Amino acid sequence: MSTFAALHTMEEIDSFITENELAFIYITMPNCSVCHGLLPQIEAMFKQFPNIATRQVDAAEVQEIAGRFEIFTAPVLLLFVDGKEYLREARIVQTAKLEAQVKRLYENFYEN
């Protein structure tokens, strides 16, 4: 069971992105072994960044997300800063690299 709450509509997704300064979305597909295997690692990583709001979206349930964010594979990890896409990782994610990028952003964002 995921610790990331799920979003079920494009309206929920849009609201989530606009209402949070730092918003992270983990996009999956139901039969994606990479999606399900990577999720626990990503959830554990984001525990060290408590000010980043996190959610999960099933692209099979919210099919419009593929067109909106130009998604062609899964998983897709999107990080938004003030409503703008800042970081995107897809399919094969290097968790150490991702963690370093998020940490750098997080530290810079909260230094000021």
PDB file of N, CA and C in Angstrom:
ATOM      1  N   MET A   1       0.844  -1.189   0.000  1.00  0.00           N
ATOM      2  CA  MET A   1       0.000   0.000   0.000  1.00  0.00           C
ATOM      3  C   MET A   1       0.885   1.247   0.000  1.00  0.00           C
ATOM      4  N   SER A   2       0.564   2.167  -0.871  1.00  0.00           N
ATOM      5  CA  SER A   2       1.351   3.387  -1.021  1.00  0.00           C
ATOM      6  C   SER A   2       1.080   4.385   0.099  1.00  0.00           C
ATOM      7  N   THR A   3       2.119   5.110   0.491  1.00  0.00           N
ATOM      8  CA  THR A   3       1.916   6.199   1.443  1.00  0.00           C
ATOM      9  C   THR A   3       1.590   7.499   0.719  1.00  0.00           C
ATOM     10  N   PHE A   4       1.778   7.522  -0.607  1.00  0.00           N
ATOM     11  CA  PHE A   4       1.387   8.684  -1.403  1.00  0.00           C
ATOM     12  C   PHE A   4      -0.120   8.587  -1.653  1.00  0.00           C
ATOM     13  N   ALA A   5      -0.864   9.603  -1.262  1.00  0.00           N
ATOM     14  CA  ALA A   5      -2.299   9.620  -1.541  1.00  0.00           C
ATOM     15  C   ALA A   5      -2.511   9.693  -3.053  1.00  0.00           C
ATOM     16  N   ALA A   6      -3.645   9.175  -3.496  1.00  0.00           N
ATOM     17  CA  ALA A   6      -3.941   9.132  -4.930  1.00  0.00           C
ATOM     18  C   ALA A   6      -4.781  10.330  -5.366  1.00  0.00           C
ATOM     19  N   LEU A   7      -4.540  10.754  -6.600  1.00  0.00           N
ATOM     20  CA  LEU A   7      -5.385  11.747  -7.262  1.00  0.00           C
ATOM     21  C   LEU A   7      -6.146  11.012  -8.356  1.00  0.00           C
ATOM     22  N   HIS A   8      -7.430  11.372  -8.543  1.00  0.00           N
ATOM     23  CA  HIS A   8      -8.280  10.583  -9.438  1.00  0.00           C
ATOM     24  C   HIS A   8      -8.836  11.332 -10.637  1.00  0.00           C
ATOM     25  N   THR A   9      -8.633  12.641 -10.710  1.00  0.00           N
ATOM     26  CA  THR A   9      -9.139  13.424 -11.840  1.00  0.00           C
ATOM     27  C   THR A   9      -8.121  14.497 -12.224  1.00  0.00           C
ATOM     28  N   MET A  10      -8.229  15.016 -13.427  1.00  0.00           N
ATOM     29  CA  MET A  10      -7.345  16.110 -13.835  1.00  0.00           C
ATOM     30  C   MET A  10      -7.598  17.349 -12.987  1.00  0.00           C
ATOM     31  N   GLU A  11      -8.832  17.536 -12.556  1.00  0.00           N
ATOM     32  CA  GLU A  11      -9.138  18.689 -11.698  1.00  0.00           C
ATOM     33  C   GLU A  11      -8.379  18.579 -10.374  1.00  0.00           C
ATOM     34  N   GLU A  12      -8.344  17.384  -9.788  1.00  0.00           N
ATOM     35  CA  GLU A  12      -7.595  17.171  -8.549  1.00  0.00           C
ATOM     36  C   GLU A  12      -6.098  17.404  -8.780  1.00  0.00           C
ATOM     37  N   ILE A  13      -5.600  16.928  -9.910  1.00  0.00           N
ATOM     38  CA  ILE A  13      -4.181  17.080 -10.234  1.00  0.00           C
ATOM     39  C   ILE A  13      -3.831  18.558 -10.393  1.00  0.00           C
ATOM     40  N   ASP A  14      -4.634  19.274 -11.163  1.00  0.00           N
ATOM     41  CA  ASP A  14      -4.385  20.705 -11.369  1.00  0.00           C
ATOM     42  C   ASP A  14      -4.433  21.473 -10.050  1.00  0.00           C
ATOM     43  N   SER A  15      -5.412  21.170  -9.211  1.00  0.00           N
ATOM     44  CA  SER A  15      -5.522  21.840  -7.912  1.00  0.00           C
ATOM     45  C   SER A  15      -4.321  21.533  -7.037  1.00  0.00           C
ATOM     46  N   PHE A  16      -3.900  20.281  -7.015  1.00  0.00           N
ATOM     47  CA  PHE A  16      -2.754  19.868  -6.218  1.00  0.00           C
ATOM     48  C   PHE A  16      -1.499  20.646  -6.626  1.00  0.00           C
ATOM     49  N   ILE A  17      -1.278  20.763  -7.929  1.00  0.00           N
ATOM     50  CA  ILE A  17      -0.094  21.459  -8.430  1.00  0.00           C
ATOM     51  C   ILE A  17      -0.138  22.949  -8.086  1.00  0.00           C
ATOM     52  N   THR A  18      -1.306  23.575  -8.240  1.00  0.00           N
ATOM     53  CA  THR A  18      -1.395  25.013  -7.992  1.00  0.00           C
ATOM     54  C   THR A  18      -1.430  25.366  -6.510  1.00  0.00           C
ATOM     55  N   GLU A  19      -1.909  24.462  -5.668  1.00  0.00           N
ATOM     56  CA  GLU A  19      -2.050  24.758  -4.240  1.00  0.00           C
ATOM     57  C   GLU A  19      -0.780  24.484  -3.429  1.00  0.00           C
ATOM     58  N   ASN A  20       0.218  23.859  -4.031  1.00  0.00           N
ATOM     59  CA  ASN A  20       1.449  23.518  -3.310  1.00  0.00           C
ATOM     60  C   ASN A  20       2.660  24.143  -4.006  1.00  0.00           C
ATOM     61  N   GLU A  21       3.490  24.828  -3.221  1.00  0.00           N
ATOM     62  CA  GLU A  21       4.701  25.434  -3.790  1.00  0.00           C
ATOM     63  C   GLU A  21       5.596  24.369  -4.419  1.00  0.00           C
ATOM     64  N   LEU A  22       5.757  23.269  -3.713  1.00  0.00           N
ATOM     65  CA  LEU A  22       6.527  22.133  -4.210  1.00  0.00           C
ATOM     66  C   LEU A  22       5.591  20.932  -4.264  1.00  0.00           C
ATOM     67  N   ALA A  23       5.341  20.433  -5.466  1.00  0.00           N
ATOM     68  CA  ALA A  23       4.392  19.337  -5.656  1.00  0.00           C
ATOM     69  C   ALA A  23       5.050  18.229  -6.481  1.00  0.00           C
ATOM     70  N   PHE A  24       4.996  17.014  -5.960  1.00  0.00           N
ATOM     71  CA  PHE A  24       5.585  15.856  -6.629  1.00  0.00           C
ATOM     72  C   PHE A  24       4.481  14.865  -6.980  1.00  0.00           C
ATOM     73  N   ILE A  25       4.479  14.410  -8.231  1.00  0.00           N
ATOM     74  CA  ILE A  25       3.493  13.425  -8.685  1.00  0.00           C
ATOM     75  C   ILE A  25       4.221  12.208  -9.247  1.00  0.00           C
ATOM     76  N   TYR A  26       3.817  11.035  -8.766  1.00  0.00           N
ATOM     77  CA  TYR A  26       4.359   9.757  -9.219  1.00  0.00           C
ATOM     78  C   TYR A  26       3.281   9.109 -10.076  1.00  0.00           C
ATOM     79  N   ILE A  27       3.542   8.967 -11.371  1.00  0.00           N
ATOM     80  CA  ILE A  27       2.534   8.457 -12.311  1.00  0.00           C
ATOM     81  C   ILE A  27       2.865   7.007 -12.660  1.00  0.00           C
ATOM     82  N   THR A  28       1.869   6.149 -12.474  1.00  0.00           N
ATOM     83  CA  THR A  28       2.054   4.712 -12.674  1.00  0.00           C
ATOM     84  C   THR A  28       1.050   4.158 -13.682  1.00  0.00           C
ATOM     85  N   MET A  29       1.258   2.904 -14.029  1.00  0.00           N
ATOM     86  CA  MET A  29       0.306   2.107 -14.799  1.00  0.00           C
ATOM     87  C   MET A  29       0.087   0.808 -14.021  1.00  0.00           C
ATOM     88  N   PRO A  30      -1.099   0.219 -14.121  1.00  0.00           N
ATOM     89  CA  PRO A  30      -1.425  -0.955 -13.303  1.00  0.00           C
ATOM     90  C   PRO A  30      -0.482  -2.149 -13.451  1.00  0.00           C
ATOM     91  N   ASN A  31      -0.064  -2.492 -14.642  1.00  0.00           N
ATOM     92  CA  ASN A  31       0.752  -3.694 -14.841  1.00  0.00           C
ATOM     93  C   ASN A  31       2.230  -3.377 -15.026  1.00  0.00           C
ATOM     94  N   CYS A  32       2.689  -2.309 -14.428  1.00  0.00           N
ATOM     95  CA  CYS A  32       4.064  -1.847 -14.589  1.00  0.00           C
ATOM     96  C   CYS A  32       4.901  -2.317 -13.404  1.00  0.00           C
ATOM     97  N   SER A  33       5.758  -3.312 -13.615  1.00  0.00           N
ATOM     98  CA  SER A  33       6.574  -3.841 -12.526  1.00  0.00           C
ATOM     99  C   SER A  33       7.599  -2.809 -12.056  1.00  0.00           C
ATOM    100  N   VAL A  34       8.131  -1.997 -12.961  1.00  0.00           N
ATOM    101  CA  VAL A  34       9.080  -0.954 -12.572  1.00  0.00           C
ATOM    102  C   VAL A  34       8.386   0.059 -11.661  1.00  0.00           C
ATOM    103  N   CYS A  35       7.155   0.433 -12.017  1.00  0.00           N
ATOM    104  CA  CYS A  35       6.390   1.399 -11.217  1.00  0.00           C
ATOM    105  C   CYS A  35       6.250   0.921  -9.777  1.00  0.00           C
ATOM    106  N   HIS A  36       5.837  -0.314  -9.630  1.00  0.00           N
ATOM    107  CA  HIS A  36       5.553  -0.850  -8.301  1.00  0.00           C
ATOM    108  C   HIS A  36       6.832  -1.148  -7.522  1.00  0.00           C
ATOM    109  N   GLY A  37       7.900  -1.513  -8.212  1.00  0.00           N
ATOM    110  CA  GLY A  37       9.167  -1.786  -7.544  1.00  0.00           C
ATOM    111  C   GLY A  37       9.881  -0.523  -7.088  1.00  0.00           C
ATOM    112  N   LEU A  38       9.741   0.547  -7.854  1.00  0.00           N
ATOM    113  CA  LEU A  38      10.418   1.811  -7.548  1.00  0.00           C
ATOM    114  C   LEU A  38       9.688   2.627  -6.485  1.00  0.00           C
ATOM    115  N   LEU A  39       8.387   2.493  -6.422  1.00  0.00           N
ATOM    116  CA  LEU A  39       7.580   3.335  -5.532  1.00  0.00           C
ATOM    117  C   LEU A  39       8.056   3.339  -4.078  1.00  0.00           C
ATOM    118  N   PRO A  40       8.311   2.200  -3.443  1.00  0.00           N
ATOM    119  CA  PRO A  40       8.752   2.251  -2.040  1.00  0.00           C
ATOM    120  C   PRO A  40      10.058   3.035  -1.844  1.00  0.00           C
ATOM    121  N   GLN A  41      10.965   2.953  -2.808  1.00  0.00           N
ATOM    122  CA  GLN A  41      12.216   3.702  -2.723  1.00  0.00           C
ATOM    123  C   GLN A  41      11.962   5.211  -2.802  1.00  0.00           C
ATOM    124  N   ILE A  42      11.070   5.602  -3.683  1.00  0.00           N
ATOM    125  CA  ILE A  42      10.753   7.017  -3.864  1.00  0.00           C
ATOM    126  C   ILE A  42      10.008   7.548  -2.636  1.00  0.00           C
ATOM    127  N   GLU A  43       9.089   6.756  -2.113  1.00  0.00           N
ATOM    128  CA  GLU A  43       8.362   7.171  -0.902  1.00  0.00           C
ATOM    129  C   GLU A  43       9.329   7.363   0.264  1.00  0.00           C
ATOM    130  N   ALA A  44      10.272   6.443   0.428  1.00  0.00           N
ATOM    131  CA  ALA A  44      11.255   6.555   1.507  1.00  0.00           C
ATOM    132  C   ALA A  44      12.126   7.790   1.311  1.00  0.00           C
ATOM    133  N   MET A  45      12.524   8.053   0.083  1.00  0.00           N
ATOM    134  CA  MET A  45      13.367   9.207  -0.206  1.00  0.00           C
ATOM    135  C   MET A  45      12.656  10.509   0.146  1.00  0.00           C
ATOM    136  N   PHE A  46      11.387  10.628  -0.205  1.00  0.00           N
ATOM    137  CA  PHE A  46      10.656  11.883   0.002  1.00  0.00           C
ATOM    138  C   PHE A  46      10.321  12.146   1.468  1.00  0.00           C
ATOM    139  N   LYS A  47      10.511  11.162   2.337  1.00  0.00           N
ATOM    140  CA  LYS A  47      10.295  11.398   3.770  1.00  0.00           C
ATOM    141  C   LYS A  47      11.283  12.424   4.318  1.00  0.00           C
ATOM    142  N   GLN A  48      12.435  12.566   3.670  1.00  0.00           N
ATOM    143  CA  GLN A  48      13.411  13.551   4.134  1.00  0.00           C
ATOM    144  C   GLN A  48      13.119  14.960   3.610  1.00  0.00           C
ATOM    145  N   PHE A  49      12.061  15.098   2.811  1.00  0.00           N
ATOM    146  CA  PHE A  49      11.661  16.396   2.265  1.00  0.00           C
ATOM    147  C   PHE A  49      10.203  16.666   2.645  1.00  0.00           C
ATOM    148  N   PRO A  50       9.932  16.918   3.925  1.00  0.00           N
ATOM    149  CA  PRO A  50       8.544  17.001   4.395  1.00  0.00           C
ATOM    150  C   PRO A  50       7.722  18.155   3.807  1.00  0.00           C
ATOM    151  N   ASN A  51       8.370  19.154   3.263  1.00  0.00           N
ATOM    152  CA  ASN A  51       7.623  20.286   2.697  1.00  0.00           C
ATOM    153  C   ASN A  51       7.260  20.091   1.232  1.00  0.00           C
ATOM    154  N   ILE A  52       7.617  18.949   0.664  1.00  0.00           N
ATOM    155  CA  ILE A  52       7.200  18.640  -0.707  1.00  0.00           C
ATOM    156  C   ILE A  52       5.939  17.790  -0.617  1.00  0.00           C
ATOM    157  N   ALA A  53       4.860  18.307  -1.167  1.00  0.00           N
ATOM    158  CA  ALA A  53       3.597  17.560  -1.203  1.00  0.00           C
ATOM    159  C   ALA A  53       3.732  16.450  -2.241  1.00  0.00           C
ATOM    160  N   THR A  54       3.274  15.246  -1.900  1.00  0.00           N
ATOM    161  CA  THR A  54       3.431  14.101  -2.793  1.00  0.00           C
ATOM    162  C   THR A  54       2.093  13.435  -3.070  1.00  0.00           C
ATOM    163  N   ARG A  55       1.923  12.989  -4.300  1.00  0.00           N
ATOM    164  CA  ARG A  55       0.726  12.258  -4.699  1.00  0.00           C
ATOM    165  C   ARG A  55       1.091  11.237  -5.770  1.00  0.00           C
ATOM    166  N   GLN A  56       0.167  10.311  -5.962  1.00  0.00           N
ATOM    167  CA  GLN A  56       0.314   9.260  -6.970  1.00  0.00           C
ATOM    168  C   GLN A  56      -0.886   9.307  -7.896  1.00  0.00           C
ATOM    169  N   VAL A  57      -0.657   9.020  -9.185  1.00  0.00           N
ATOM    170  CA  VAL A  57      -1.741   8.989 -10.168  1.00  0.00           C
ATOM    171  C   VAL A  57      -1.607   7.718 -11.002  1.00  0.00           C
ATOM    172  N   ASP A  58      -2.706   7.013 -11.169  1.00  0.00           N
ATOM    173  CA  ASP A  58      -2.773   5.853 -12.060  1.00  0.00           C
ATOM    174  C   ASP A  58      -3.172   6.379 -13.440  1.00  0.00           C
ATOM    175  N   ALA A  59      -2.250   6.303 -14.403  1.00  0.00           N
ATOM    176  CA  ALA A  59      -2.499   6.845 -15.736  1.00  0.00           C
ATOM    177  C   ALA A  59      -3.596   6.094 -16.479  1.00  0.00           C
ATOM    178  N   ALA A  60      -3.889   4.862 -16.076  1.00  0.00           N
ATOM    179  CA  ALA A  60      -4.991   4.129 -16.692  1.00  0.00           C
ATOM    180  C   ALA A  60      -6.328   4.686 -16.209  1.00  0.00           C
ATOM    181  N   GLU A  61      -6.356   5.188 -14.988  1.00  0.00           N
ATOM    182  CA  GLU A  61      -7.574   5.769 -14.430  1.00  0.00           C
ATOM    183  C   GLU A  61      -7.782   7.201 -14.925  1.00  0.00           C
ATOM    184  N   VAL A  62      -6.713   7.991 -14.953  1.00  0.00           N
ATOM    185  CA  VAL A  62      -6.785   9.394 -15.386  1.00  0.00           C
ATOM    186  C   VAL A  62      -6.052   9.478 -16.729  1.00  0.00           C
ATOM    187  N   GLN A  63      -6.718   9.034 -17.770  1.00  0.00           N
ATOM    188  CA  GLN A  63      -6.075   8.910 -19.073  1.00  0.00           C
ATOM    189  C   GLN A  63      -5.662  10.256 -19.674  1.00  0.00           C
ATOM    190  N   GLU A  64      -6.332  11.327 -19.273  1.00  0.00           N
ATOM    191  CA  GLU A  64      -6.003  12.656 -19.807  1.00  0.00           C
ATOM    192  C   GLU A  64      -4.599  13.106 -19.400  1.00  0.00           C
ATOM    193  N   ILE A  65      -4.061  12.527 -18.352  1.00  0.00           N
ATOM    194  CA  ILE A  65      -2.747  12.945 -17.866  1.00  0.00           C
ATOM    195  C   ILE A  65      -1.659  12.704 -18.911  1.00  0.00           C
ATOM    196  N   ALA A  66      -1.812  11.670 -19.721  1.00  0.00           N
ATOM    197  CA  ALA A  66      -0.808  11.364 -20.745  1.00  0.00           C
ATOM    198  C   ALA A  66      -0.684  12.508 -21.748  1.00  0.00           C
ATOM    199  N   GLY A  67      -1.798  13.031 -22.196  1.00  0.00           N
ATOM    200  CA  GLY A  67      -1.771  14.145 -23.138  1.00  0.00           C
ATOM    201  C   GLY A  67      -1.325  15.437 -22.494  1.00  0.00           C
ATOM    202  N   ARG A  68      -1.788  15.692 -21.294  1.00  0.00           N
ATOM    203  CA  ARG A  68      -1.473  16.951 -20.611  1.00  0.00           C
ATOM    204  C   ARG A  68       0.015  17.095 -20.347  1.00  0.00           C
ATOM    205  N   PHE A  69       0.656  16.007 -19.900  1.00  0.00           N
ATOM    206  CA  PHE A  69       2.063  16.086 -19.523  1.00  0.00           C
ATOM    207  C   PHE A  69       2.994  15.329 -20.478  1.00  0.00           C
ATOM    208  N   GLU A  70       2.473  14.960 -21.656  1.00  0.00           N
ATOM    209  CA  GLU A  70       3.259  14.272 -22.683  1.00  0.00           C
ATOM    210  C   GLU A  70       3.979  13.047 -22.105  1.00  0.00           C
ATOM    211  N   ILE A  71       3.178  12.127 -21.604  1.00  0.00           N
ATOM    212  CA  ILE A  71       3.694  10.910 -20.975  1.00  0.00           C
ATOM    213  C   ILE A  71       3.558   9.751 -21.950  1.00  0.00           C
ATOM    214  N   PHE A  72       4.689   9.082 -22.192  1.00  0.00           N
ATOM    215  CA  PHE A  72       4.708   7.989 -23.157  1.00  0.00           C
ATOM    216  C   PHE A  72       5.118   6.659 -22.537  1.00  0.00           C
ATOM    217  N   THR A  73       5.478   6.671 -21.259  1.00  0.00           N
ATOM    218  CA  THR A  73       5.935   5.466 -20.563  1.00  0.00           C
ATOM    219  C   THR A  73       5.568   5.609 -19.094  1.00  0.00           C
ATOM    220  N   ALA A  74       5.886   4.602 -18.322  1.00  0.00           N
ATOM    221  CA  ALA A  74       5.661   4.678 -16.871  1.00  0.00           C
ATOM    222  C   ALA A  74       6.793   3.921 -16.195  1.00  0.00           C
ATOM    223  N   PRO A  75       7.156   4.304 -14.991  1.00  0.00           N
ATOM    224  CA  PRO A  75       6.631   5.426 -14.236  1.00  0.00           C
ATOM    225  C   PRO A  75       7.190   6.759 -14.734  1.00  0.00           C
ATOM    226  N   VAL A  76       6.469   7.819 -14.390  1.00  0.00           N
ATOM    227  CA  VAL A  76       6.945   9.176 -14.641  1.00  0.00           C
ATOM    228  C   VAL A  76       6.892   9.916 -13.312  1.00  0.00           C
ATOM    229  N   LEU A  77       7.974  10.587 -12.992  1.00  0.00           N
ATOM    230  CA  LEU A  77       8.079  11.341 -11.752  1.00  0.00           C
ATOM    231  C   LEU A  77       8.183  12.810 -12.123  1.00  0.00           C
ATOM    232  N   LEU A  78       7.251  13.609 -11.642  1.00  0.00           N
ATOM    233  CA  LEU A  78       7.214  15.037 -11.963  1.00  0.00           C
ATOM    234  C   LEU A  78       7.280  15.852 -10.689  1.00  0.00           C
ATOM    235  N   LEU A  79       8.154  16.836 -10.680  1.00  0.00           N
ATOM    236  CA  LEU A  79       8.255  17.760  -9.552  1.00  0.00           C
ATOM    237  C   LEU A  79       7.958  19.159 -10.071  1.00  0.00           C
ATOM    238  N   PHE A  80       6.992  19.809  -9.437  1.00  0.00           N
ATOM    239  CA  PHE A  80       6.580  21.149  -9.829  1.00  0.00           C
ATOM    240  C   PHE A  80       6.992  22.145  -8.759  1.00  0.00           C
ATOM    241  N   VAL A  81       7.470  23.304  -9.199  1.00  0.00           N
ATOM    242  CA  VAL A  81       7.810  24.410  -8.312  1.00  0.00           C
ATOM    243  C   VAL A  81       6.927  25.583  -8.715  1.00  0.00           C
ATOM    244  N   ASP A  82       6.107  26.036  -7.789  1.00  0.00           N
ATOM    245  CA  ASP A  82       5.175  27.139  -8.046  1.00  0.00           C
ATOM    246  C   ASP A  82       4.372  26.915  -9.334  1.00  0.00           C
ATOM    247  N   GLY A  83       3.903  25.677  -9.529  1.00  0.00           N
ATOM    248  CA  GLY A  83       3.044  25.354 -10.658  1.00  0.00           C
ATOM    249  C   GLY A  83       3.743  25.052 -11.964  1.00  0.00           C
ATOM    250  N   LYS A  84       5.052  25.165 -12.004  1.00  0.00           N
ATOM    251  CA  LYS A  84       5.814  24.906 -13.231  1.00  0.00           C
ATOM    252  C   LYS A  84       6.612  23.617 -13.075  1.00  0.00           C
ATOM    253  N   GLU A  85       6.627  22.827 -14.152  1.00  0.00           N
ATOM    254  CA  GLU A  85       7.406  21.588 -14.104  1.00  0.00           C
ATOM    255  C   GLU A  85       8.885  21.924 -13.981  1.00  0.00           C
ATOM    256  N   TYR A  86       9.510  21.363 -12.960  1.00  0.00           N
ATOM    257  CA  TYR A  86      10.917  21.638 -12.688  1.00  0.00           C
ATOM    258  C   TYR A  86      11.788  20.426 -12.995  1.00  0.00           C
ATOM    259  N   LEU A  87      11.269  19.234 -12.716  1.00  0.00           N
ATOM    260  CA  LEU A  87      12.059  18.022 -12.841  1.00  0.00           C
ATOM    261  C   LEU A  87      11.178  16.899 -13.356  1.00  0.00           C
ATOM    262  N   ARG A  88      11.736  16.113 -14.277  1.00  0.00           N
ATOM    263  CA  ARG A  88      11.011  14.966 -14.842  1.00  0.00           C
ATOM    264  C   ARG A  88      11.972  13.797 -14.965  1.00  0.00           C
ATOM    265  N   GLU A  89      11.543  12.668 -14.471  1.00  0.00           N
ATOM    266  CA  GLU A  89      12.271  11.406 -14.646  1.00  0.00           C
ATOM    267  C   GLU A  89      11.255  10.388 -15.147  1.00  0.00           C
ATOM    268  N   ALA A  90      11.709   9.474 -15.998  1.00  0.00           N
ATOM    269  CA  ALA A  90      10.791   8.478 -16.532  1.00  0.00           C
ATOM    270  C   ALA A  90      11.480   7.132 -16.700  1.00  0.00           C
ATOM    271  N   ARG A  91      10.676   6.099 -16.564  1.00  0.00           N
ATOM    272  CA  ARG A  91      11.026   4.693 -16.747  1.00  0.00           C
ATOM    273  C   ARG A  91      12.183   4.223 -15.872  1.00  0.00           C
ATOM    274  N   ILE A  92      13.413   4.422 -16.311  1.00  0.00           N
ATOM    275  CA  ILE A  92      14.563   3.985 -15.534  1.00  0.00           C
ATOM    276  C   ILE A  92      15.074   5.203 -14.760  1.00  0.00           C
ATOM    277  N   VAL A  93      14.872   5.188 -13.457  1.00  0.00           N
ATOM    278  CA  VAL A  93      15.197   6.344 -12.622  1.00  0.00           C
ATOM    279  C   VAL A  93      16.431   6.021 -11.781  1.00  0.00           C
ATOM    280  N   GLN A  94      17.423   6.892 -11.866  1.00  0.00           N
ATOM    281  CA  GLN A  94      18.607   6.766 -11.021  1.00  0.00           C
ATOM    282  C   GLN A  94      18.277   7.479  -9.712  1.00  0.00           C
ATOM    283  N   THR A  95      17.960   6.702  -8.688  1.00  0.00           N
ATOM    284  CA  THR A  95      17.464   7.287  -7.440  1.00  0.00           C
ATOM    285  C   THR A  95      18.489   8.197  -6.765  1.00  0.00           C
ATOM    286  N   ALA A  96      19.763   7.855  -6.822  1.00  0.00           N
ATOM    287  CA  ALA A  96      20.790   8.706  -6.191  1.00  0.00           C
ATOM    288  C   ALA A  96      20.849  10.065  -6.886  1.00  0.00           C
ATOM    289  N   LYS A  97      20.791  10.068  -8.196  1.00  0.00           N
ATOM    290  CA  LYS A  97      20.806  11.321  -8.961  1.00  0.00           C
ATOM    291  C   LYS A  97      19.552  12.139  -8.660  1.00  0.00           C
ATOM    292  N   LEU A  98      18.409  11.470  -8.648  1.00  0.00           N
ATOM    293  CA  LEU A  98      17.148  12.154  -8.354  1.00  0.00           C
ATOM    294  C   LEU A  98      17.189  12.761  -6.954  1.00  0.00           C
ATOM    295  N   GLU A  99      17.663  11.995  -5.990  1.00  0.00           N
ATOM    296  CA  GLU A  99      17.725  12.487  -4.617  1.00  0.00           C
ATOM    297  C   GLU A  99      18.630  13.723  -4.522  1.00  0.00           C
ATOM    298  N   ALA A 100      19.757  13.703  -5.206  1.00  0.00           N
ATOM    299  CA  ALA A 100      20.675  14.851  -5.186  1.00  0.00           C
ATOM    300  C   ALA A 100      20.011  16.085  -5.791  1.00  0.00           C
ATOM    301  N   GLN A 101      19.279  15.907  -6.893  1.00  0.00           N
ATOM    302  CA  GLN A 101      18.603  17.038  -7.535  1.00  0.00           C
ATOM    303  C   GLN A 101      17.514  17.615  -6.633  1.00  0.00           C
ATOM    304  N   VAL A 102      16.732  16.741  -6.027  1.00  0.00           N
ATOM    305  CA  VAL A 102      15.648  17.193  -5.147  1.00  0.00           C
ATOM    306  C   VAL A 102      16.234  17.874  -3.914  1.00  0.00           C
ATOM    307  N   LYS A 103      17.293  17.304  -3.361  1.00  0.00           N
ATOM    308  CA  LYS A 103      17.922  17.883  -2.173  1.00  0.00           C
ATOM    309  C   LYS A 103      18.453  19.283  -2.467  1.00  0.00           C
ATOM    310  N   ARG A 104      19.097  19.448  -3.611  1.00  0.00           N
ATOM    311  CA  ARG A 104      19.626  20.758  -3.999  1.00  0.00           C
ATOM    312  C   ARG A 104      18.499  21.780  -4.123  1.00  0.00           C
ATOM    313  N   LEU A 105      17.434  21.406  -4.802  1.00  0.00           N
ATOM    314  CA  LEU A 105      16.278  22.299  -4.945  1.00  0.00           C
ATOM    315  C   LEU A 105      15.692  22.634  -3.581  1.00  0.00           C
ATOM    316  N   TYR A 106      15.494  21.617  -2.766  1.00  0.00           N
ATOM    317  CA  TYR A 106      14.870  21.775  -1.457  1.00  0.00           C
ATOM    318  C   TYR A 106      15.671  22.728  -0.579  1.00  0.00           C
ATOM    319  N   GLU A 107      16.978  22.518  -0.538  1.00  0.00           N
ATOM    320  CA  GLU A 107      17.837  23.370   0.270  1.00  0.00           C
ATOM    321  C   GLU A 107      17.840  24.807  -0.241  1.00  0.00           C
ATOM    322  N   ASN A 108      17.894  24.998  -1.543  1.00  0.00           N
ATOM    323  CA  ASN A 108      17.866  26.348  -2.112  1.00  0.00           C
ATOM    324  C   ASN A 108      16.518  27.017  -1.886  1.00  0.00           C
ATOM    325  N   PHE A 109      15.462  26.259  -1.989  1.00  0.00           N
ATOM    326  CA  PHE A 109      14.113  26.802  -1.839  1.00  0.00           C
ATOM    327  C   PHE A 109      13.874  27.270  -0.407  1.00  0.00           C
ATOM    328  N   TYR A 110      14.376  26.527   0.552  1.00  0.00           N
ATOM    329  CA  TYR A 110      14.115  26.852   1.945  1.00  0.00           C
ATOM    330  C   TYR A 110      15.235  27.647   2.627  1.00  0.00           C
ATOM    331  N   GLU A 111      16.313  27.954   1.913  1.00  0.00           N
ATOM    332  CA  GLU A 111      17.336  28.847   2.436  1.00  0.00           C
ATOM    333  C   GLU A 111      16.848  30.280   2.444  1.00  0.00           C
ATOM    334  N   ASN A 112      16.088  30.629   1.423  1.00  0.00           N
ATOM    335  CA  ASN A 112      15.661  32.022   1.237  1.00  0.00           C
ATOM    336  C   ASN A 112      14.441  32.372   2.033  1.00  0.00           C
TER     337      ASN A 112
END
